[in-house]
Amino acid sequence: MKDINQPSPLRLLSVWLLCILGSLSSWYGVIRLGVWIFSEVCMWSFALLGGCIILIALRAAYVPTIYIRKTNKILTALEQIAANTQQSREHIPAPRQARTA
C-alpha cells in the first residue's frame, strides 16, 4: 500500500517545475527534488543489496543440501552394488586347483 504522505514522482516533478518557473532565484524545488531522488536511489540500492545477500545465503544453504543428497544416493548405490557382488561371489563355485602328478 502506498504511503499517503509521500508525493508521487509526477506530482513532485510538477511542483518542482512550478517552483522553478515561479521563481528562478528559489532553489527549494531543486533541493527537494534532489533529496527525493537520493532517498529513492538509496532505498532501491539497499533493497537490491539485501535481496542479493538473501539469494546468496539461500544458494549457500541449497548447494550443500543437494550435494549431500546426491552423495547419500551414490553411497547407497555403491553399498547395494557391493552387497550384490558379495552375494554373487557366494554362488560362484571356487576355482579348481590344478592337479599335480
PDB file of N, CA and C in Angstrom:
ATOM      1  N   MET A   1       0.848  -1.175   0.000  1.00  0.00           N
ATOM      2  CA  MET A   1       0.000   0.000   0.000  1.00  0.00           C
ATOM      3  C   MET A   1       0.893   1.237   0.000  1.00  0.00           C
ATOM      4  N   LYS A   2       0.533   2.193  -0.796  1.00  0.00           N
ATOM      5  CA  LYS A   2       1.335   3.402  -0.942  1.00  0.00           C
ATOM      6  C   LYS A   2       1.123   4.330   0.255  1.00  0.00           C
ATOM      7  N   ASP A   3       2.216   4.913   0.682  1.00  0.00           N
ATOM      8  CA  ASP A   3       2.156   5.847   1.800  1.00  0.00           C
ATOM      9  C   ASP A   3       1.451   7.127   1.333  1.00  0.00           C
ATOM     10  N   ILE A   4       0.486   7.596   2.096  1.00  0.00           N
ATOM     11  CA  ILE A   4      -0.303   8.768   1.709  1.00  0.00           C
ATOM     12  C   ILE A   4       0.531  10.043   1.788  1.00  0.00           C
ATOM     13  N   ASN A   5       1.468  10.100   2.726  1.00  0.00           N
ATOM     14  CA  ASN A   5       2.252  11.319   2.929  1.00  0.00           C
ATOM     15  C   ASN A   5       3.325  11.517   1.870  1.00  0.00           C
ATOM     16  N   GLN A   6       3.696  10.455   1.164  1.00  0.00           N
ATOM     17  CA  GLN A   6       4.760  10.581   0.163  1.00  0.00           C
ATOM     18  C   GLN A   6       4.157  10.987  -1.183  1.00  0.00           C
ATOM     19  N   PRO A   7       4.616  12.097  -1.734  1.00  0.00           N
ATOM     20  CA  PRO A   7       4.059  12.537  -3.020  1.00  0.00           C
ATOM     21  C   PRO A   7       4.545  11.624  -4.154  1.00  0.00           C
ATOM     22  N   SER A   8       3.730  11.531  -5.186  1.00  0.00           N
ATOM     23  CA  SER A   8       4.122  10.720  -6.340  1.00  0.00           C
ATOM     24  C   SER A   8       5.230  11.450  -7.109  1.00  0.00           C
ATOM     25  N   PRO A   9       5.996  10.700  -7.901  1.00  0.00           N
ATOM     26  CA  PRO A   9       7.076  11.353  -8.659  1.00  0.00           C
ATOM     27  C   PRO A   9       6.559  12.416  -9.622  1.00  0.00           C
ATOM     28  N   LEU A  10       5.410  12.182 -10.239  1.00  0.00           N
ATOM     29  CA  LEU A  10       4.845  13.154 -11.172  1.00  0.00           C
ATOM     30  C   LEU A  10       4.442  14.438 -10.450  1.00  0.00           C
ATOM     31  N   ARG A  11       3.824  14.289  -9.297  1.00  0.00           N
ATOM     32  CA  ARG A  11       3.429  15.469  -8.520  1.00  0.00           C
ATOM     33  C   ARG A  11       4.661  16.244  -8.063  1.00  0.00           C
ATOM     34  N   LEU A  12       5.671  15.515  -7.617  1.00  0.00           N
ATOM     35  CA  LEU A  12       6.875  16.179  -7.154  1.00  0.00           C
ATOM     36  C   LEU A  12       7.572  16.910  -8.298  1.00  0.00           C
ATOM     37  N   LEU A  13       7.601  16.309  -9.465  1.00  0.00           N
ATOM     38  CA  LEU A  13       8.205  16.947 -10.623  1.00  0.00           C
ATOM     39  C   LEU A  13       7.428  18.202 -11.030  1.00  0.00           C
ATOM     40  N   SER A  14       6.094  18.103 -10.984  1.00  0.00           N
ATOM     41  CA  SER A  14       5.292  19.277 -11.355  1.00  0.00           C
ATOM     42  C   SER A  14       5.483  20.412 -10.340  1.00  0.00           C
ATOM     43  N   VAL A  15       5.567  20.060  -9.057  1.00  0.00           N
ATOM     44  CA  VAL A  15       5.806  21.081  -8.035  1.00  0.00           C
ATOM     45  C   VAL A  15       7.178  21.721  -8.256  1.00  0.00           C
ATOM     46  N   TRP A  16       8.152  20.887  -8.577  1.00  0.00           N
ATOM     47  CA  TRP A  16       9.495  21.398  -8.823  1.00  0.00           C
ATOM     48  C   TRP A  16       9.517  22.349 -10.022  1.00  0.00           C
ATOM     49  N   LEU A  17       8.847  21.945 -11.124  1.00  0.00           N
ATOM     50  CA  LEU A  17       8.801  22.798 -12.308  1.00  0.00           C
ATOM     51  C   LEU A  17       8.092  24.122 -12.017  1.00  0.00           C
ATOM     52  N   LEU A  18       6.969  24.057 -11.289  1.00  0.00           N
ATOM     53  CA  LEU A  18       6.260  25.286 -10.932  1.00  0.00           C
ATOM     54  C   LEU A  18       7.128  26.184 -10.049  1.00  0.00           C
ATOM     55  N   CYS A  19       7.867  25.549  -9.163  1.00  0.00           N
ATOM     56  CA  CYS A  19       8.738  26.322  -8.276  1.00  0.00           C
ATOM     57  C   CYS A  19       9.834  27.019  -9.074  1.00  0.00           C
ATOM     58  N   ILE A  20      10.417  26.284 -10.012  1.00  0.00           N
ATOM     59  CA  ILE A  20      11.477  26.868 -10.834  1.00  0.00           C
ATOM     60  C   ILE A  20      10.905  27.979 -11.729  1.00  0.00           C
ATOM     61  N   LEU A  21       9.761  27.707 -12.340  1.00  0.00           N
ATOM     62  CA  LEU A  21       9.152  28.712 -13.218  1.00  0.00           C
ATOM     63  C   LEU A  21       8.680  29.935 -12.439  1.00  0.00           C
ATOM     64  N   GLY A  22       8.171  29.702 -11.232  1.00  0.00           N
ATOM     65  CA  GLY A  22       7.664  30.816 -10.434  1.00  0.00           C
ATOM     66  C   GLY A  22       8.761  31.732  -9.947  1.00  0.00           C
ATOM     67  N   SER A  23       9.855  31.146  -9.559  1.00  0.00           N
ATOM     68  CA  SER A  23      10.942  31.979  -9.045  1.00  0.00           C
ATOM     69  C   SER A  23      12.267  31.282  -9.326  1.00  0.00           C
ATOM     70  N   LEU A  24      13.004  31.815 -10.243  1.00  0.00           N
ATOM     71  CA  LEU A  24      14.278  31.217 -10.607  1.00  0.00           C
ATOM     72  C   LEU A  24      15.329  31.410  -9.520  1.00  0.00           C
ATOM     73  N   SER A  25      15.074  32.343  -8.619  1.00  0.00           N
ATOM     74  CA  SER A  25      16.045  32.567  -7.548  1.00  0.00           C
ATOM     75  C   SER A  25      15.839  31.584  -6.383  1.00  0.00           C
ATOM     76  N   SER A  26      14.712  30.867  -6.389  1.00  0.00           N
ATOM     77  CA  SER A  26      14.437  29.923  -5.304  1.00  0.00           C
ATOM     78  C   SER A  26      14.919  28.528  -5.693  1.00  0.00           C
ATOM     79  N   TRP A  27      15.810  27.987  -4.898  1.00  0.00           N
ATOM     80  CA  TRP A  27      16.347  26.644  -5.159  1.00  0.00           C
ATOM     81  C   TRP A  27      15.685  25.578  -4.302  1.00  0.00           C
ATOM     82  N   TYR A  28      14.596  25.915  -3.641  1.00  0.00           N
ATOM     83  CA  TYR A  28      13.919  24.962  -2.770  1.00  0.00           C
ATOM     84  C   TYR A  28      13.427  23.743  -3.545  1.00  0.00           C
ATOM     85  N   GLY A  29      12.853  23.982  -4.723  1.00  0.00           N
ATOM     86  CA  GLY A  29      12.347  22.874  -5.532  1.00  0.00           C
ATOM     87  C   GLY A  29      13.465  21.959  -6.006  1.00  0.00           C
ATOM     88  N   VAL A  30      14.590  22.537  -6.373  1.00  0.00           N
ATOM     89  CA  VAL A  30      15.732  21.748  -6.835  1.00  0.00           C
ATOM     90  C   VAL A  30      16.281  20.894  -5.694  1.00  0.00           C
ATOM     91  N   ILE A  31      16.401  21.493  -4.526  1.00  0.00           N
ATOM     92  CA  ILE A  31      16.920  20.753  -3.374  1.00  0.00           C
ATOM     93  C   ILE A  31      15.962  19.638  -2.980  1.00  0.00           C
ATOM     94  N   ARG A  32      14.676  19.952  -2.977  1.00  0.00           N
ATOM     95  CA  ARG A  32      13.681  18.937  -2.600  1.00  0.00           C
ATOM     96  C   ARG A  32      13.696  17.771  -3.586  1.00  0.00           C
ATOM     97  N   LEU A  33      13.768  18.064  -4.873  1.00  0.00           N
ATOM     98  CA  LEU A  33      13.823  17.003  -5.874  1.00  0.00           C
ATOM     99  C   LEU A  33      15.100  16.174  -5.717  1.00  0.00           C
ATOM    100  N   GLY A  34      16.217  16.843  -5.474  1.00  0.00           N
ATOM    101  CA  GLY A  34      17.477  16.124  -5.278  1.00  0.00           C
ATOM    102  C   GLY A  34      17.440  15.211  -4.069  1.00  0.00           C
ATOM    103  N   VAL A  35      16.857  15.692  -2.988  1.00  0.00           N
ATOM    104  CA  VAL A  35      16.747  14.870  -1.776  1.00  0.00           C
ATOM    105  C   VAL A  35      15.849  13.672  -2.040  1.00  0.00           C
ATOM    106  N   TRP A  36      14.736  13.890  -2.737  1.00  0.00           N
ATOM    107  CA  TRP A  36      13.820  12.783  -3.032  1.00  0.00           C
ATOM    108  C   TRP A  36      14.485  11.730  -3.921  1.00  0.00           C
ATOM    109  N   ILE A  37      15.181  12.168  -4.970  1.00  0.00           N
ATOM    110  CA  ILE A  37      15.867  11.229  -5.864  1.00  0.00           C
ATOM    111  C   ILE A  37      16.936  10.456  -5.095  1.00  0.00           C
ATOM    112  N   PHE A  38      17.697  11.145  -4.253  1.00  0.00           N
ATOM    113  CA  PHE A  38      18.741  10.475  -3.474  1.00  0.00           C
ATOM    114  C   PHE A  38      18.139   9.440  -2.543  1.00  0.00           C
ATOM    115  N   SER A  39      17.041   9.773  -1.883  1.00  0.00           N
ATOM    116  CA  SER A  39      16.431   8.822  -0.951  1.00  0.00           C
ATOM    117  C   SER A  39      15.857   7.613  -1.696  1.00  0.00           C
ATOM    118  N   GLU A  40      15.268   7.834  -2.868  1.00  0.00           N
ATOM    119  CA  GLU A  40      14.734   6.716  -3.652  1.00  0.00           C
ATOM    120  C   GLU A  40      15.857   5.809  -4.150  1.00  0.00           C
ATOM    121  N   VAL A  41      16.928   6.404  -4.631  1.00  0.00           N
ATOM    122  CA  VAL A  41      18.067   5.608  -5.120  1.00  0.00           C
ATOM    123  C   VAL A  41      18.672   4.804  -3.980  1.00  0.00           C
ATOM    124  N   CYS A  42      18.833   5.428  -2.827  1.00  0.00           N
ATOM    125  CA  CYS A  42      19.374   4.708  -1.672  1.00  0.00           C
ATOM    126  C   CYS A  42      18.467   3.569  -1.263  1.00  0.00           C
ATOM    127  N   MET A  43      17.149   3.816  -1.237  1.00  0.00           N
ATOM    128  CA  MET A  43      16.204   2.775  -0.835  1.00  0.00           C
ATOM    129  C   MET A  43      16.285   1.587  -1.778  1.00  0.00           C
ATOM    130  N   TRP A  44      16.269   1.840  -3.072  1.00  0.00           N
ATOM    131  CA  TRP A  44      16.299   0.744  -4.049  1.00  0.00           C
ATOM    132  C   TRP A  44      17.639   0.034  -4.049  1.00  0.00           C
ATOM    133  N   SER A  45      18.727   0.766  -3.843  1.00  0.00           N
ATOM    134  CA  SER A  45      20.032   0.103  -3.820  1.00  0.00           C
ATOM    135  C   SER A  45      20.162  -0.777  -2.586  1.00  0.00           C
ATOM    136  N   PHE A  46      19.654  -0.316  -1.434  1.00  0.00           N
ATOM    137  CA  PHE A  46      19.682  -1.164  -0.244  1.00  0.00           C
ATOM    138  C   PHE A  46      18.773  -2.384  -0.404  1.00  0.00           C
ATOM    139  N   ALA A  47      17.637  -2.201  -1.050  1.00  0.00           N
ATOM    140  CA  ALA A  47      16.742  -3.335  -1.292  1.00  0.00           C
ATOM    141  C   ALA A  47      17.403  -4.353  -2.218  1.00  0.00           C
ATOM    142  N   LEU A  48      18.077  -3.873  -3.244  1.00  0.00           N
ATOM    143  CA  LEU A  48      18.786  -4.771  -4.166  1.00  0.00           C
ATOM    144  C   LEU A  48      19.927  -5.491  -3.456  1.00  0.00           C
ATOM    145  N   LEU A  49      20.669  -4.768  -2.645  1.00  0.00           N
ATOM    146  CA  LEU A  49      21.764  -5.373  -1.888  1.00  0.00           C
ATOM    147  C   LEU A  49      21.234  -6.434  -0.920  1.00  0.00           C
ATOM    148  N   GLY A  50      20.165  -6.131  -0.220  1.00  0.00           N
ATOM    149  CA  GLY A  50      19.568  -7.100   0.703  1.00  0.00           C
ATOM    150  C   GLY A  50      19.052  -8.334  -0.027  1.00  0.00           C
ATOM    151  N   GLY A  51      18.426  -8.122  -1.183  1.00  0.00           N
ATOM    152  CA  GLY A  51      17.955  -9.254  -1.976  1.00  0.00           C
ATOM    153  C   GLY A  51      19.095 -10.143  -2.444  1.00  0.00           C
ATOM    154  N   CYS A  52      20.200  -9.530  -2.844  1.00  0.00           N
ATOM    155  CA  CYS A  52      21.371 -10.315  -3.274  1.00  0.00           C
ATOM    156  C   CYS A  52      21.946 -11.119  -2.111  1.00  0.00           C
ATOM    157  N   ILE A  53      22.004 -10.518  -0.943  1.00  0.00           N
ATOM    158  CA  ILE A  53      22.526 -11.221   0.228  1.00  0.00           C
ATOM    159  C   ILE A  53      21.634 -12.406   0.576  1.00  0.00           C
ATOM    160  N   ILE A  54      20.321 -12.208   0.526  1.00  0.00           N
ATOM    161  CA  ILE A  54      19.396 -13.307   0.815  1.00  0.00           C
ATOM    162  C   ILE A  54      19.529 -14.401  -0.231  1.00  0.00           C
ATOM    163  N   LEU A  55      19.657 -14.036  -1.495  1.00  0.00           N
ATOM    164  CA  LEU A  55      19.816 -15.016  -2.569  1.00  0.00           C
ATOM    165  C   LEU A  55      21.100 -15.825  -2.398  1.00  0.00           C
ATOM    166  N   ILE A  56      22.183 -15.159  -2.046  1.00  0.00           N
ATOM    167  CA  ILE A  56      23.451 -15.858  -1.829  1.00  0.00           C
ATOM    168  C   ILE A  56      23.341 -16.805  -0.627  1.00  0.00           C
ATOM    169  N   ALA A  57      22.677 -16.363   0.431  1.00  0.00           N
ATOM    170  CA  ALA A  57      22.524 -17.218   1.612  1.00  0.00           C
ATOM    171  C   ALA A  57      21.675 -18.451   1.291  1.00  0.00           C
ATOM    172  N   LEU A  58      20.598 -18.259   0.541  1.00  0.00           N
ATOM    173  CA  LEU A  58      19.752 -19.398   0.169  1.00  0.00           C
ATOM    174  C   LEU A  58      20.510 -20.371  -0.726  1.00  0.00           C
ATOM    175  N   ARG A  59      21.278 -19.842  -1.658  1.00  0.00           N
ATOM    176  CA  ARG A  59      22.052 -20.722  -2.545  1.00  0.00           C
ATOM    177  C   ARG A  59      23.132 -21.456  -1.756  1.00  0.00           C
ATOM    178  N   ALA A  60      23.757 -20.775  -0.808  1.00  0.00           N
ATOM    179  CA  ALA A  60      24.784 -21.414   0.014  1.00  0.00           C
ATOM    180  C   ALA A  60      24.196 -22.527   0.869  1.00  0.00           C
ATOM    181  N   ALA A  61      22.931 -22.415   1.240  1.00  0.00           N
ATOM    182  CA  ALA A  61      22.282 -23.484   2.003  1.00  0.00           C
ATOM    183  C   ALA A  61      21.782 -24.588   1.079  1.00  0.00           C
ATOM    184  N   TYR A  62      21.406 -24.255  -0.150  1.00  0.00           N
ATOM    185  CA  TYR A  62      20.816 -25.223  -1.073  1.00  0.00           C
ATOM    186  C   TYR A  62      21.864 -26.157  -1.685  1.00  0.00           C
ATOM    187  N   VAL A  63      22.994 -25.612  -2.094  1.00  0.00           N
ATOM    188  CA  VAL A  63      24.007 -26.411  -2.797  1.00  0.00           C
ATOM    189  C   VAL A  63      24.548 -27.543  -1.926  1.00  0.00           C
ATOM    190  N   PRO A  64      24.954 -27.323  -0.675  1.00  0.00           N
ATOM    191  CA  PRO A  64      25.424 -28.460   0.129  1.00  0.00           C
ATOM    192  C   PRO A  64      24.328 -29.504   0.376  1.00  0.00           C
ATOM    193  N   THR A  65      23.092 -29.051   0.496  1.00  0.00           N
ATOM    194  CA  THR A  65      21.994 -29.994   0.707  1.00  0.00           C
ATOM    195  C   THR A  65      21.857 -30.928  -0.481  1.00  0.00           C
ATOM    196  N   ILE A  66      21.915 -30.386  -1.682  1.00  0.00           N
ATOM    197  CA  ILE A  66      21.827 -31.214  -2.885  1.00  0.00           C
ATOM    198  C   ILE A  66      23.042 -32.134  -2.969  1.00  0.00           C
ATOM    199  N   TYR A  67      24.221 -31.617  -2.639  1.00  0.00           N
ATOM    200  CA  TYR A  67      25.435 -32.433  -2.695  1.00  0.00           C
ATOM    201  C   TYR A  67      25.332 -33.601  -1.714  1.00  0.00           C
ATOM    202  N   ILE A  68      24.834 -33.322  -0.508  1.00  0.00           N
ATOM    203  CA  ILE A  68      24.681 -34.383   0.497  1.00  0.00           C
ATOM    204  C   ILE A  68      23.674 -35.418   0.016  1.00  0.00           C
ATOM    205  N   ARG A  69      22.564 -34.981  -0.570  1.00  0.00           N
ATOM    206  CA  ARG A  69      21.566 -35.926  -1.070  1.00  0.00           C
ATOM    207  C   ARG A  69      22.150 -36.799  -2.177  1.00  0.00           C
ATOM    208  N   LYS A  70      22.887 -36.187  -3.101  1.00  0.00           N
ATOM    209  CA  LYS A  70      23.492 -36.962  -4.187  1.00  0.00           C
ATOM    210  C   LYS A  70      24.533 -37.925  -3.629  1.00  0.00           C
ATOM    211  N   THR A  71      25.327 -37.466  -2.667  1.00  0.00           N
ATOM    212  CA  THR A  71      26.338 -38.322  -2.070  1.00  0.00           C
ATOM    213  C   THR A  71      25.693 -39.501  -1.371  1.00  0.00           C
ATOM    214  N   ASN A  72      24.604 -39.267  -0.654  1.00  0.00           N
ATOM    215  CA  ASN A  72      23.901 -40.354   0.021  1.00  0.00           C
ATOM    216  C   ASN A  72      23.341 -41.348  -0.986  1.00  0.00           C
ATOM    217  N   LYS A  73      22.808 -40.865  -2.105  1.00  0.00           N
ATOM    218  CA  LYS A  73      22.298 -41.761  -3.133  1.00  0.00           C
ATOM    219  C   LYS A  73      23.428 -42.582  -3.746  1.00  0.00           C
ATOM    220  N   ILE A  74      24.566 -41.944  -3.978  1.00  0.00           N
ATOM    221  CA  ILE A  74      25.714 -42.654  -4.549  1.00  0.00           C
ATOM    222  C   ILE A  74      26.220 -43.706  -3.564  1.00  0.00           C
ATOM    223  N   LEU A  75      26.319 -43.328  -2.277  1.00  0.00           N
ATOM    224  CA  LEU A  75      26.779 -44.290  -1.282  1.00  0.00           C
ATOM    225  C   LEU A  75      25.822 -45.467  -1.161  1.00  0.00           C
ATOM    226  N   THR A  76      24.528 -45.195  -1.201  1.00  0.00           N
ATOM    227  CA  THR A  76      23.533 -46.269  -1.137  1.00  0.00           C
ATOM    228  C   THR A  76      23.672 -47.185  -2.344  1.00  0.00           C
ATOM    229  N   ALA A  77      23.852 -46.600  -3.513  1.00  0.00           N
ATOM    230  CA  ALA A  77      24.013 -47.419  -4.720  1.00  0.00           C
ATOM    231  C   ALA A  77      25.284 -48.247  -4.649  1.00  0.00           C
ATOM    232  N   LEU A  78      26.381 -47.669  -4.170  1.00  0.00           N
ATOM    233  CA  LEU A  78      27.632 -48.422  -4.046  1.00  0.00           C
ATOM    234  C   LEU A  78      27.519 -49.542  -3.026  1.00  0.00           C
ATOM    235  N   GLU A  79      26.844 -49.276  -1.919  1.00  0.00           N
ATOM    236  CA  GLU A  79      26.631 -50.332  -0.921  1.00  0.00           C
ATOM    237  C   GLU A  79      25.784 -51.459  -1.497  1.00  0.00           C
ATOM    238  N   GLN A  80      24.780 -51.108  -2.280  1.00  0.00           N
ATOM    239  CA  GLN A  80      23.932 -52.122  -2.903  1.00  0.00           C
ATOM    240  C   GLN A  80      24.739 -52.940  -3.924  1.00  0.00           C
ATOM    241  N   ILE A  81      25.594 -52.287  -4.692  1.00  0.00           N
ATOM    242  CA  ILE A  81      26.443 -52.997  -5.653  1.00  0.00           C
ATOM    243  C   ILE A  81      27.395 -53.926  -4.907  1.00  0.00           C
ATOM    244  N   ALA A  82      27.991 -53.446  -3.815  1.00  0.00           N
ATOM    245  CA  ALA A  82      28.903 -54.286  -3.028  1.00  0.00           C
ATOM    246  C   ALA A  82      28.170 -55.492  -2.444  1.00  0.00           C
ATOM    247  N   ALA A  83      26.970 -55.273  -1.940  1.00  0.00           N
ATOM    248  CA  ALA A  83      26.193 -56.388  -1.381  1.00  0.00           C
ATOM    249  C   ALA A  83      25.841 -57.388  -2.470  1.00  0.00           C
ATOM    250  N   ASN A  84      25.425 -56.917  -3.626  1.00  0.00           N
ATOM    251  CA  ASN A  84      25.093 -57.818  -4.732  1.00  0.00           C
ATOM    252  C   ASN A  84      26.327 -58.575  -5.214  1.00  0.00           C
ATOM    253  N   THR A  85      27.471 -57.908  -5.232  1.00  0.00           N
ATOM    254  CA  THR A  85      28.707 -58.554  -5.667  1.00  0.00           C
ATOM    255  C   THR A  85      29.096 -59.663  -4.691  1.00  0.00           C
ATOM    256  N   GLN A  86      28.959 -59.405  -3.392  1.00  0.00           N
ATOM    257  CA  GLN A  86      29.287 -60.435  -2.403  1.00  0.00           C
ATOM    258  C   GLN A  86      28.333 -61.614  -2.517  1.00  0.00           C
ATOM    259  N   GLN A  87      27.055 -61.344  -2.775  1.00  0.00           N
ATOM    260  CA  GLN A  87      26.084 -62.434  -2.931  1.00  0.00           C
ATOM    261  C   GLN A  87      26.409 -63.265  -4.158  1.00  0.00           C
ATOM    262  N   SER A  88      26.771 -62.624  -5.244  1.00  0.00           N
ATOM    263  CA  SER A  88      27.072 -63.372  -6.457  1.00  0.00           C
ATOM    264  C   SER A  88      28.369 -64.160  -6.295  1.00  0.00           C
ATOM    265  N   ARG A  89      29.327 -63.703  -5.511  1.00  0.00           N
ATOM    266  CA  ARG A  89      30.558 -64.449  -5.264  1.00  0.00           C
ATOM    267  C   ARG A  89      30.285 -65.696  -4.441  1.00  0.00           C
ATOM    268  N   GLU A  90      29.316 -65.623  -3.557  1.00  0.00           N
ATOM    269  CA  GLU A  90      28.975 -66.792  -2.749  1.00  0.00           C
ATOM    270  C   GLU A  90      28.386 -67.902  -3.615  1.00  0.00           C
ATOM    271  N   HIS A  91      27.675 -67.550  -4.658  1.00  0.00           N
ATOM    272  CA  HIS A  91      27.030 -68.535  -5.525  1.00  0.00           C
ATOM    273  C   HIS A  91      27.999 -69.109  -6.560  1.00  0.00           C
ATOM    274  N   ILE A  92      29.077 -68.439  -6.830  1.00  0.00           N
ATOM    275  CA  ILE A  92      30.043 -68.932  -7.813  1.00  0.00           C
ATOM    276  C   ILE A  92      30.948 -69.952  -7.109  1.00  0.00           C
ATOM    277  N   PRO A  93      31.091 -71.153  -7.695  1.00  0.00           N
ATOM    278  CA  PRO A  93      31.970 -72.139  -7.050  1.00  0.00           C
ATOM    279  C   PRO A  93      33.429 -71.678  -7.112  1.00  0.00           C
ATOM    280  N   ALA A  94      34.187 -72.106  -6.110  1.00  0.00           N
ATOM    281  CA  ALA A  94      35.599 -71.738  -6.071  1.00  0.00           C
ATOM    282  C   ALA A  94      36.320 -72.361  -7.241  1.00  0.00           C
ATOM    283  N   PRO A  95      37.318 -71.689  -7.776  1.00  0.00           N
ATOM    284  CA  PRO A  95      38.049 -72.244  -8.909  1.00  0.00           C
ATOM    285  C   PRO A  95      38.814 -73.519  -8.488  1.00  0.00           C
ATOM    286  N   ARG A  96      38.871 -74.476  -9.404  1.00  0.00           N
ATOM    287  CA  ARG A  96      39.564 -75.734  -9.119  1.00  0.00           C
ATOM    288  C   ARG A  96      41.057 -75.512  -9.200  1.00  0.00           C
ATOM    289  N   GLN A  97      41.722 -76.204  -8.324  1.00  0.00           N
ATOM    290  CA  GLN A  97      43.163 -76.124  -8.369  1.00  0.00           C
ATOM    291  C   GLN A  97      43.683 -77.179  -9.336  1.00  0.00           C
ATOM    292  N   ALA A  98      44.717 -76.883 -10.013  1.00  0.00           N
ATOM    293  CA  ALA A  98      45.278 -77.812 -10.988  1.00  0.00           C
ATOM    294  C   ALA A  98      45.887 -79.015 -10.262  1.00  0.00           C
ATOM    295  N   ARG A  99      45.672 -80.212 -10.861  1.00  0.00           N
ATOM    296  CA  ARG A  99      46.247 -81.428 -10.259  1.00  0.00           C
ATOM    297  C   ARG A  99      47.723 -81.530 -10.602  1.00  0.00           C
ATOM    298  N   THR A 100      48.463 -81.858  -9.630  1.00  0.00           N
ATOM    299  CA  THR A 100      49.888 -82.064  -9.891  1.00  0.00           C
ATOM    300  C   THR A 100      50.180 -83.561  -9.833  1.00  0.00           C
ATOM    301  N   ALA A 101      50.909 -84.070 -10.799  1.00  0.00           N
ATOM    302  CA  ALA A 101      51.150 -85.510 -10.847  1.00  0.00           C
ATOM    303  C   ALA A 101      52.485 -85.883 -10.279  1.00  0.00           C
TER     304      ALA A 101
END
